[in-house]
Amino acid sequence: MAKPVSREAVLEKLSAATEHLHDHLPEDNVARRLERRLVDFDFDAKTLTLEFPIREWMGNSIGLMHGGMLAMCADTACAAFAHALYDGYAPTVQLSCTYLRPVSVGDALLIRVHAAHLGGSNAHFTAEIYSKESGALLATCSDLNFVGKIGK
């Protein structure tokens, strides 16, 4: 899979993927319901920041965001970056999250993804998840995506 060679190519792929979510997926599809929004992208630093509002359906019984939902948002942010950096599907093969603080429904996540390694068959991303409201670091994640050729 070839990597895009310019900032513009990556931004175009990120934009096209977001449009696809809104134009082609059913309203109840979880990828569409996450309502991700591009906040920042630095091609040279290999970082991407996305915002995810925390809706009521993402909460647990005590009004906090469910940990699995936070992991899904982090994985989605990393996978979006992998997809934008490579031509083709980039499935996650390993995800690890460390939860540091709870976050309330009604806040938003700011997920800063760094492309730590961009290889020929695997790409490794790290993510820092912050509260938009307080700026506190909520969690860190490590995400490994397969970016090689699928099949024979």
N, C-alpha and C. Protein backbone atom coordinates (compact mmCIF):
# COMPACT_ATOMS: atom_id res chain seq x y z
N MET A 1 0.84 -1.18 0.00
CA MET A 1 0.00 0.00 0.00
C MET A 1 0.89 1.24 0.00
N ALA A 2 0.65 2.12 -0.91
CA ALA A 2 1.45 3.34 -1.00
C ALA A 2 0.96 4.38 -0.01
N LYS A 3 1.92 5.14 0.54
CA LYS A 3 1.58 6.23 1.44
C LYS A 3 1.42 7.52 0.63
N PRO A 4 0.41 8.35 0.94
CA PRO A 4 0.30 9.65 0.27
C PRO A 4 1.55 10.47 0.53
N VAL A 5 1.94 11.27 -0.45
CA VAL A 5 3.20 12.00 -0.35
C VAL A 5 3.00 13.46 0.07
N SER A 6 1.78 13.89 0.27
CA SER A 6 1.57 15.29 0.61
C SER A 6 0.51 15.47 1.68
N ARG A 7 0.60 16.63 2.33
CA ARG A 7 -0.38 17.02 3.34
C ARG A 7 -1.78 17.07 2.71
N GLU A 8 -1.86 17.62 1.51
CA GLU A 8 -3.14 17.77 0.82
C GLU A 8 -3.78 16.42 0.53
N ALA A 9 -2.97 15.43 0.16
CA ALA A 9 -3.51 14.09 -0.13
C ALA A 9 -4.11 13.47 1.12
N VAL A 10 -3.44 13.65 2.27
CA VAL A 10 -3.96 13.09 3.53
C VAL A 10 -5.25 13.80 3.91
N LEU A 11 -5.26 15.13 3.84
CA LEU A 11 -6.47 15.88 4.18
C LEU A 11 -7.63 15.51 3.27
N GLU A 12 -7.35 15.29 2.00
CA GLU A 12 -8.40 14.89 1.05
C GLU A 12 -8.98 13.53 1.43
N LYS A 13 -8.13 12.59 1.82
CA LYS A 13 -8.61 11.27 2.22
C LYS A 13 -9.42 11.34 3.52
N LEU A 14 -8.98 12.16 4.47
CA LEU A 14 -9.73 12.33 5.72
C LEU A 14 -11.11 12.92 5.44
N SER A 15 -11.16 13.92 4.58
CA SER A 15 -12.42 14.56 4.23
C SER A 15 -13.35 13.60 3.50
N ALA A 16 -12.80 12.85 2.56
CA ALA A 16 -13.61 11.89 1.80
C ALA A 16 -14.18 10.81 2.71
N ALA A 17 -13.39 10.36 3.67
CA ALA A 17 -13.86 9.32 4.60
C ALA A 17 -14.99 9.85 5.47
N THR A 18 -14.88 11.09 5.92
CA THR A 18 -15.94 11.69 6.75
C THR A 18 -17.21 11.87 5.94
N GLU A 19 -17.08 12.32 4.70
CA GLU A 19 -18.24 12.46 3.83
C GLU A 19 -18.91 11.11 3.59
N HIS A 20 -18.10 10.07 3.43
CA HIS A 20 -18.64 8.73 3.22
C HIS A 20 -19.48 8.31 4.43
N LEU A 21 -18.99 8.60 5.64
CA LEU A 21 -19.74 8.24 6.85
C LEU A 21 -21.12 8.87 6.84
N HIS A 22 -21.20 10.13 6.44
CA HIS A 22 -22.46 10.86 6.50
C HIS A 22 -23.36 10.58 5.30
N ASP A 23 -22.78 10.26 4.16
CA ASP A 23 -23.57 10.11 2.94
C ASP A 23 -23.96 8.67 2.63
N HIS A 24 -23.23 7.69 3.16
CA HIS A 24 -23.45 6.31 2.71
C HIS A 24 -23.80 5.32 3.82
N LEU A 25 -23.67 5.74 5.06
CA LEU A 25 -23.96 4.80 6.13
C LEU A 25 -25.31 5.13 6.77
N PRO A 26 -26.03 4.12 7.27
CA PRO A 26 -27.31 4.38 7.94
C PRO A 26 -27.09 5.24 9.19
N GLU A 27 -28.11 5.98 9.57
CA GLU A 27 -28.01 6.89 10.72
C GLU A 27 -27.63 6.17 12.01
N ASP A 28 -28.03 4.91 12.17
CA ASP A 28 -27.72 4.21 13.41
C ASP A 28 -26.39 3.47 13.38
N ASN A 29 -25.62 3.60 12.28
CA ASN A 29 -24.30 2.98 12.20
C ASN A 29 -23.38 3.65 13.22
N VAL A 30 -22.66 2.87 14.01
CA VAL A 30 -21.86 3.42 15.09
C VAL A 30 -20.77 4.36 14.57
N ALA A 31 -20.15 4.07 13.45
CA ALA A 31 -19.11 4.96 12.92
C ALA A 31 -19.69 6.34 12.60
N ARG A 32 -20.89 6.36 12.10
CA ARG A 32 -21.55 7.63 11.80
C ARG A 32 -21.98 8.34 13.09
N ARG A 33 -22.46 7.59 14.05
CA ARG A 33 -22.96 8.18 15.30
C ARG A 33 -21.85 8.80 16.14
N LEU A 34 -20.60 8.45 15.90
CA LEU A 34 -19.49 9.01 16.67
C LEU A 34 -19.27 10.50 16.39
N GLU A 35 -19.73 10.99 15.26
CA GLU A 35 -19.68 12.42 14.92
C GLU A 35 -18.28 13.03 15.05
N ARG A 36 -17.28 12.31 14.55
CA ARG A 36 -15.92 12.83 14.66
C ARG A 36 -15.74 14.10 13.84
N ARG A 37 -14.82 14.96 14.33
CA ARG A 37 -14.54 16.22 13.65
C ARG A 37 -13.03 16.46 13.67
N LEU A 38 -12.48 16.84 12.53
CA LEU A 38 -11.06 17.15 12.43
C LEU A 38 -10.77 18.45 13.17
N VAL A 39 -9.79 18.41 14.07
CA VAL A 39 -9.38 19.58 14.83
C VAL A 39 -8.03 20.09 14.33
N ASP A 40 -7.08 19.17 14.10
CA ASP A 40 -5.74 19.59 13.70
C ASP A 40 -5.05 18.44 12.98
N PHE A 41 -4.15 18.79 12.07
CA PHE A 41 -3.35 17.80 11.37
C PHE A 41 -2.01 18.43 11.06
N ASP A 42 -0.92 17.74 11.42
CA ASP A 42 0.43 18.20 11.14
C ASP A 42 1.14 17.10 10.37
N PHE A 43 1.32 17.33 9.07
CA PHE A 43 1.92 16.32 8.20
C PHE A 43 3.35 16.00 8.63
N ASP A 44 4.15 17.04 8.93
CA ASP A 44 5.56 16.83 9.28
C ASP A 44 5.72 16.12 10.62
N ALA A 45 4.89 16.48 11.59
CA ALA A 45 4.97 15.84 12.91
C ALA A 45 4.23 14.50 12.95
N LYS A 46 3.50 14.18 11.89
CA LYS A 46 2.71 12.95 11.79
C LYS A 46 1.70 12.84 12.93
N THR A 47 0.95 13.94 13.15
CA THR A 47 -0.08 13.94 14.19
C THR A 47 -1.43 14.36 13.61
N LEU A 48 -2.45 13.82 14.20
CA LEU A 48 -3.83 14.11 13.83
C LEU A 48 -4.62 14.25 15.12
N THR A 49 -5.46 15.29 15.20
CA THR A 49 -6.33 15.44 16.37
C THR A 49 -7.77 15.47 15.89
N LEU A 50 -8.59 14.59 16.48
CA LEU A 50 -10.01 14.53 16.18
C LEU A 50 -10.80 14.77 17.47
N GLU A 51 -11.99 15.34 17.30
CA GLU A 51 -12.89 15.56 18.43
C GLU A 51 -14.08 14.63 18.30
N PHE A 52 -14.48 14.05 19.44
CA PHE A 52 -15.64 13.17 19.50
C PHE A 52 -16.54 13.65 20.64
N PRO A 53 -17.73 14.16 20.35
CA PRO A 53 -18.64 14.54 21.44
C PRO A 53 -19.11 13.28 22.17
N ILE A 54 -19.25 13.40 23.49
CA ILE A 54 -19.68 12.25 24.29
C ILE A 54 -21.19 12.37 24.49
N ARG A 55 -21.93 11.52 23.80
CA ARG A 55 -23.39 11.53 23.83
C ARG A 55 -23.91 10.57 24.91
N GLU A 56 -25.16 10.72 25.25
CA GLU A 56 -25.78 9.89 26.29
C GLU A 56 -25.70 8.40 25.98
N TRP A 57 -25.85 8.03 24.72
CA TRP A 57 -25.82 6.61 24.35
C TRP A 57 -24.44 5.98 24.56
N MET A 58 -23.40 6.81 24.79
CA MET A 58 -22.05 6.31 25.01
C MET A 58 -21.76 6.10 26.50
N GLY A 59 -22.72 6.43 27.35
CA GLY A 59 -22.49 6.39 28.79
C GLY A 59 -22.82 5.06 29.43
N ASN A 60 -22.38 4.95 30.66
CA ASN A 60 -22.72 3.78 31.46
C ASN A 60 -23.82 4.18 32.46
N SER A 61 -24.11 3.32 33.40
CA SER A 61 -25.23 3.56 34.31
C SER A 61 -24.99 4.66 35.33
N ILE A 62 -23.78 5.16 35.45
CA ILE A 62 -23.51 6.23 36.42
C ILE A 62 -23.15 7.56 35.75
N GLY A 63 -23.47 7.69 34.46
CA GLY A 63 -23.29 8.96 33.77
C GLY A 63 -21.89 9.25 33.26
N LEU A 64 -21.06 8.24 33.26
CA LEU A 64 -19.71 8.38 32.73
C LEU A 64 -19.61 7.68 31.39
N MET A 65 -18.65 8.08 30.58
CA MET A 65 -18.44 7.40 29.30
C MET A 65 -17.97 5.98 29.56
N HIS A 66 -18.57 5.03 28.88
CA HIS A 66 -18.17 3.63 28.99
C HIS A 66 -16.75 3.49 28.43
N GLY A 67 -15.90 2.75 29.14
CA GLY A 67 -14.51 2.57 28.70
C GLY A 67 -14.37 1.97 27.32
N GLY A 68 -15.26 1.07 26.99
CA GLY A 68 -15.22 0.47 25.65
C GLY A 68 -15.52 1.48 24.56
N MET A 69 -16.37 2.45 24.88
CA MET A 69 -16.68 3.51 23.91
C MET A 69 -15.47 4.42 23.72
N LEU A 70 -14.75 4.71 24.80
CA LEU A 70 -13.54 5.51 24.68
C LEU A 70 -12.52 4.77 23.81
N ALA A 71 -12.36 3.48 24.04
CA ALA A 71 -11.43 2.68 23.23
C ALA A 71 -11.86 2.69 21.76
N MET A 72 -13.17 2.60 21.52
CA MET A 72 -13.65 2.63 20.14
C MET A 72 -13.33 3.96 19.47
N CYS A 73 -13.49 5.06 20.20
CA CYS A 73 -13.16 6.38 19.63
C CYS A 73 -11.67 6.47 19.33
N ALA A 74 -10.83 5.99 20.24
CA ALA A 74 -9.39 6.02 20.01
C ALA A 74 -9.02 5.16 18.80
N ASP A 75 -9.59 3.96 18.73
CA ASP A 75 -9.33 3.07 17.60
C ASP A 75 -9.80 3.70 16.29
N THR A 76 -10.95 4.35 16.33
CA THR A 76 -11.49 5.01 15.14
C THR A 76 -10.56 6.13 14.68
N ALA A 77 -10.03 6.91 15.63
CA ALA A 77 -9.10 7.99 15.28
C ALA A 77 -7.82 7.43 14.66
N CYS A 78 -7.28 6.38 15.26
CA CYS A 78 -6.05 5.77 14.72
C CYS A 78 -6.30 5.16 13.35
N ALA A 79 -7.42 4.45 13.21
CA ALA A 79 -7.73 3.82 11.93
C ALA A 79 -7.99 4.86 10.84
N ALA A 80 -8.62 5.98 11.21
CA ALA A 80 -8.83 7.05 10.22
C ALA A 80 -7.50 7.58 9.72
N PHE A 81 -6.54 7.74 10.63
CA PHE A 81 -5.21 8.22 10.25
C PHE A 81 -4.51 7.19 9.37
N ALA A 82 -4.58 5.91 9.76
CA ALA A 82 -3.97 4.85 8.96
C ALA A 82 -4.56 4.83 7.55
N HIS A 83 -5.88 4.91 7.47
CA HIS A 83 -6.55 4.90 6.16
C HIS A 83 -6.12 6.10 5.32
N ALA A 84 -5.95 7.26 5.96
CA ALA A 84 -5.55 8.46 5.23
C ALA A 84 -4.09 8.41 4.78
N LEU A 85 -3.25 7.72 5.54
CA LEU A 85 -1.84 7.64 5.19
C LEU A 85 -1.52 6.54 4.19
N TYR A 86 -2.39 5.55 4.09
CA TYR A 86 -2.17 4.42 3.19
C TYR A 86 -3.35 4.30 2.24
N ASP A 87 -3.10 3.73 1.08
CA ASP A 87 -4.19 3.48 0.13
C ASP A 87 -4.81 2.13 0.45
N GLY A 88 -6.00 2.16 1.01
CA GLY A 88 -6.69 0.92 1.28
C GLY A 88 -7.10 0.76 2.73
N TYR A 89 -7.69 -0.37 2.99
CA TYR A 89 -8.21 -0.72 4.30
C TYR A 89 -7.05 -0.98 5.25
N ALA A 90 -7.16 -0.55 6.50
CA ALA A 90 -6.09 -0.72 7.49
C ALA A 90 -6.67 -1.26 8.79
N PRO A 91 -7.01 -2.55 8.84
CA PRO A 91 -7.66 -3.09 10.04
C PRO A 91 -6.73 -3.08 11.25
N THR A 92 -7.33 -2.88 12.41
CA THR A 92 -6.60 -2.91 13.67
C THR A 92 -6.30 -4.36 14.03
N VAL A 93 -5.05 -4.62 14.40
CA VAL A 93 -4.68 -5.97 14.82
C VAL A 93 -4.37 -6.02 16.31
N GLN A 94 -4.16 -4.85 16.93
CA GLN A 94 -3.91 -4.81 18.37
C GLN A 94 -4.25 -3.42 18.88
N LEU A 95 -4.96 -3.36 20.00
CA LEU A 95 -5.31 -2.10 20.64
C LEU A 95 -5.14 -2.27 22.14
N SER A 96 -4.47 -1.31 22.77
CA SER A 96 -4.27 -1.33 24.21
C SER A 96 -4.53 0.07 24.74
N CYS A 97 -5.38 0.17 25.76
CA CYS A 97 -5.70 1.47 26.36
C CYS A 97 -5.43 1.42 27.86
N THR A 98 -4.92 2.53 28.37
CA THR A 98 -4.75 2.73 29.80
C THR A 98 -5.64 3.89 30.20
N TYR A 99 -6.57 3.62 31.10
CA TYR A 99 -7.54 4.63 31.53
C TYR A 99 -7.00 5.34 32.77
N LEU A 100 -6.97 6.67 32.73
CA LEU A 100 -6.39 7.47 33.81
C LEU A 100 -7.44 8.21 34.63
N ARG A 101 -8.49 8.71 33.96
CA ARG A 101 -9.53 9.48 34.65
C ARG A 101 -10.87 9.19 33.98
N PRO A 102 -11.95 9.29 34.74
CA PRO A 102 -13.29 9.14 34.13
C PRO A 102 -13.65 10.42 33.37
N VAL A 103 -14.58 10.29 32.47
CA VAL A 103 -15.07 11.45 31.71
C VAL A 103 -16.59 11.38 31.66
N SER A 104 -17.22 12.53 31.82
CA SER A 104 -18.67 12.59 31.90
C SER A 104 -19.33 12.71 30.54
N VAL A 105 -20.52 12.14 30.45
CA VAL A 105 -21.37 12.34 29.28
C VAL A 105 -21.62 13.85 29.18
N GLY A 106 -21.56 14.40 27.98
CA GLY A 106 -21.74 15.82 27.76
C GLY A 106 -20.44 16.54 27.45
N ASP A 107 -19.31 15.97 27.82
CA ASP A 107 -18.00 16.51 27.50
C ASP A 107 -17.68 16.09 26.06
N ALA A 108 -16.46 16.28 25.63
CA ALA A 108 -16.00 15.79 24.34
C ALA A 108 -14.58 15.29 24.50
N LEU A 109 -14.22 14.31 23.70
CA LEU A 109 -12.85 13.80 23.69
C LEU A 109 -12.07 14.54 22.62
N LEU A 110 -10.85 14.91 22.94
CA LEU A 110 -9.89 15.37 21.95
C LEU A 110 -8.83 14.28 21.89
N ILE A 111 -8.74 13.63 20.74
CA ILE A 111 -7.83 12.50 20.60
C ILE A 111 -6.70 12.90 19.66
N ARG A 112 -5.49 12.96 20.24
CA ARG A 112 -4.30 13.33 19.47
C ARG A 112 -3.56 12.04 19.13
N VAL A 113 -3.51 11.73 17.84
CA VAL A 113 -2.88 10.51 17.36
C VAL A 113 -1.52 10.85 16.76
N HIS A 114 -0.52 10.04 17.09
CA HIS A 114 0.80 10.19 16.50
C HIS A 114 1.15 8.91 15.75
N ALA A 115 1.60 9.06 14.51
CA ALA A 115 2.05 7.91 13.74
C ALA A 115 3.48 7.61 14.18
N ALA A 116 3.63 6.63 15.06
CA ALA A 116 4.93 6.31 15.64
C ALA A 116 5.81 5.53 14.67
N HIS A 117 5.19 4.68 13.84
CA HIS A 117 5.93 3.87 12.86
C HIS A 117 5.03 3.62 11.66
N LEU A 118 5.53 3.93 10.49
CA LEU A 118 4.79 3.68 9.24
C LEU A 118 5.60 2.70 8.40
N GLY A 119 5.28 1.42 8.53
CA GLY A 119 6.02 0.38 7.83
C GLY A 119 5.30 -0.12 6.59
N GLY A 120 5.88 -1.13 5.99
CA GLY A 120 5.31 -1.71 4.78
C GLY A 120 4.14 -2.63 5.02
N SER A 121 4.08 -3.24 6.21
CA SER A 121 2.96 -4.13 6.51
C SER A 121 2.20 -3.74 7.77
N ASN A 122 2.84 -2.99 8.66
CA ASN A 122 2.18 -2.55 9.89
C ASN A 122 2.46 -1.07 10.15
N ALA A 123 1.49 -0.42 10.73
CA ALA A 123 1.66 0.97 11.16
C ALA A 123 1.27 1.04 12.63
N HIS A 124 2.12 1.70 13.42
CA HIS A 124 1.86 1.80 14.86
C HIS A 124 1.52 3.24 15.20
N PHE A 125 0.43 3.41 15.95
CA PHE A 125 -0.05 4.73 16.36
C PHE A 125 -0.16 4.77 17.87
N THR A 126 0.12 5.94 18.42
CA THR A 126 -0.15 6.18 19.83
C THR A 126 -1.19 7.30 19.91
N ALA A 127 -2.01 7.24 20.93
CA ALA A 127 -3.06 8.25 21.08
C ALA A 127 -3.11 8.73 22.52
N GLU A 128 -3.28 10.03 22.66
CA GLU A 128 -3.53 10.64 23.95
C GLU A 128 -4.94 11.20 23.90
N ILE A 129 -5.76 10.85 24.88
CA ILE A 129 -7.16 11.26 24.90
C ILE A 129 -7.35 12.27 26.02
N TYR A 130 -7.83 13.46 25.65
CA TYR A 130 -8.03 14.55 26.59
C TYR A 130 -9.50 14.92 26.69
N SER A 131 -9.87 15.50 27.83
CA SER A 131 -11.18 16.11 28.01
C SER A 131 -11.15 17.48 27.35
N LYS A 132 -12.11 17.76 26.48
CA LYS A 132 -12.19 19.08 25.88
C LYS A 132 -12.53 20.12 26.96
N GLU A 133 -13.38 19.73 27.88
CA GLU A 133 -13.86 20.64 28.93
C GLU A 133 -12.76 21.06 29.90
N SER A 134 -11.99 20.09 30.41
CA SER A 134 -10.99 20.39 31.44
C SER A 134 -9.56 20.39 30.93
N GLY A 135 -9.32 19.76 29.79
CA GLY A 135 -7.95 19.63 29.28
C GLY A 135 -7.18 18.48 29.92
N ALA A 136 -7.81 17.75 30.85
CA ALA A 136 -7.14 16.66 31.56
C ALA A 136 -6.88 15.48 30.62
N LEU A 137 -5.74 14.82 30.84
CA LEU A 137 -5.43 13.60 30.12
C LEU A 137 -6.28 12.48 30.71
N LEU A 138 -7.08 11.84 29.87
CA LEU A 138 -8.02 10.81 30.32
C LEU A 138 -7.50 9.39 30.13
N ALA A 139 -6.79 9.18 29.02
CA ALA A 139 -6.32 7.84 28.68
C ALA A 139 -5.22 7.93 27.64
N THR A 140 -4.48 6.86 27.53
CA THR A 140 -3.51 6.71 26.44
C THR A 140 -3.78 5.37 25.77
N CYS A 141 -3.54 5.31 24.48
CA CYS A 141 -3.76 4.07 23.74
C CYS A 141 -2.62 3.83 22.76
N SER A 142 -2.43 2.57 22.47
CA SER A 142 -1.48 2.14 21.45
C SER A 142 -2.27 1.29 20.46
N ASP A 143 -2.09 1.55 19.17
CA ASP A 143 -2.90 0.91 18.14
C ASP A 143 -1.98 0.43 17.03
N LEU A 144 -2.09 -0.83 16.64
CA LEU A 144 -1.31 -1.40 15.56
C LEU A 144 -2.27 -1.78 14.43
N ASN A 145 -2.01 -1.26 13.24
CA ASN A 145 -2.85 -1.53 12.09
C ASN A 145 -2.07 -2.30 11.02
N PHE A 146 -2.74 -3.25 10.39
CA PHE A 146 -2.17 -3.96 9.27
C PHE A 146 -2.37 -3.11 8.02
N VAL A 147 -1.30 -2.81 7.32
CA VAL A 147 -1.39 -1.96 6.13
C VAL A 147 -0.79 -2.64 4.90
N GLY A 148 -0.46 -3.92 5.04
CA GLY A 148 0.10 -4.66 3.92
C GLY A 148 -0.98 -5.15 2.96
N LYS A 149 -0.56 -5.91 1.99
CA LYS A 149 -1.47 -6.45 1.00
C LYS A 149 -2.28 -7.60 1.62
N ILE A 150 -3.59 -7.56 1.45
CA ILE A 150 -4.46 -8.61 1.97
C ILE A 150 -4.68 -9.64 0.85
N GLY A 151 -4.52 -10.89 1.20
CA GLY A 151 -4.70 -11.96 0.22
C GLY A 151 -3.37 -12.34 -0.43
N LYS A 152 -3.47 -13.16 -1.49
CA LYS A 152 -2.27 -13.65 -2.16
C LYS A 152 -1.75 -12.68 -3.18
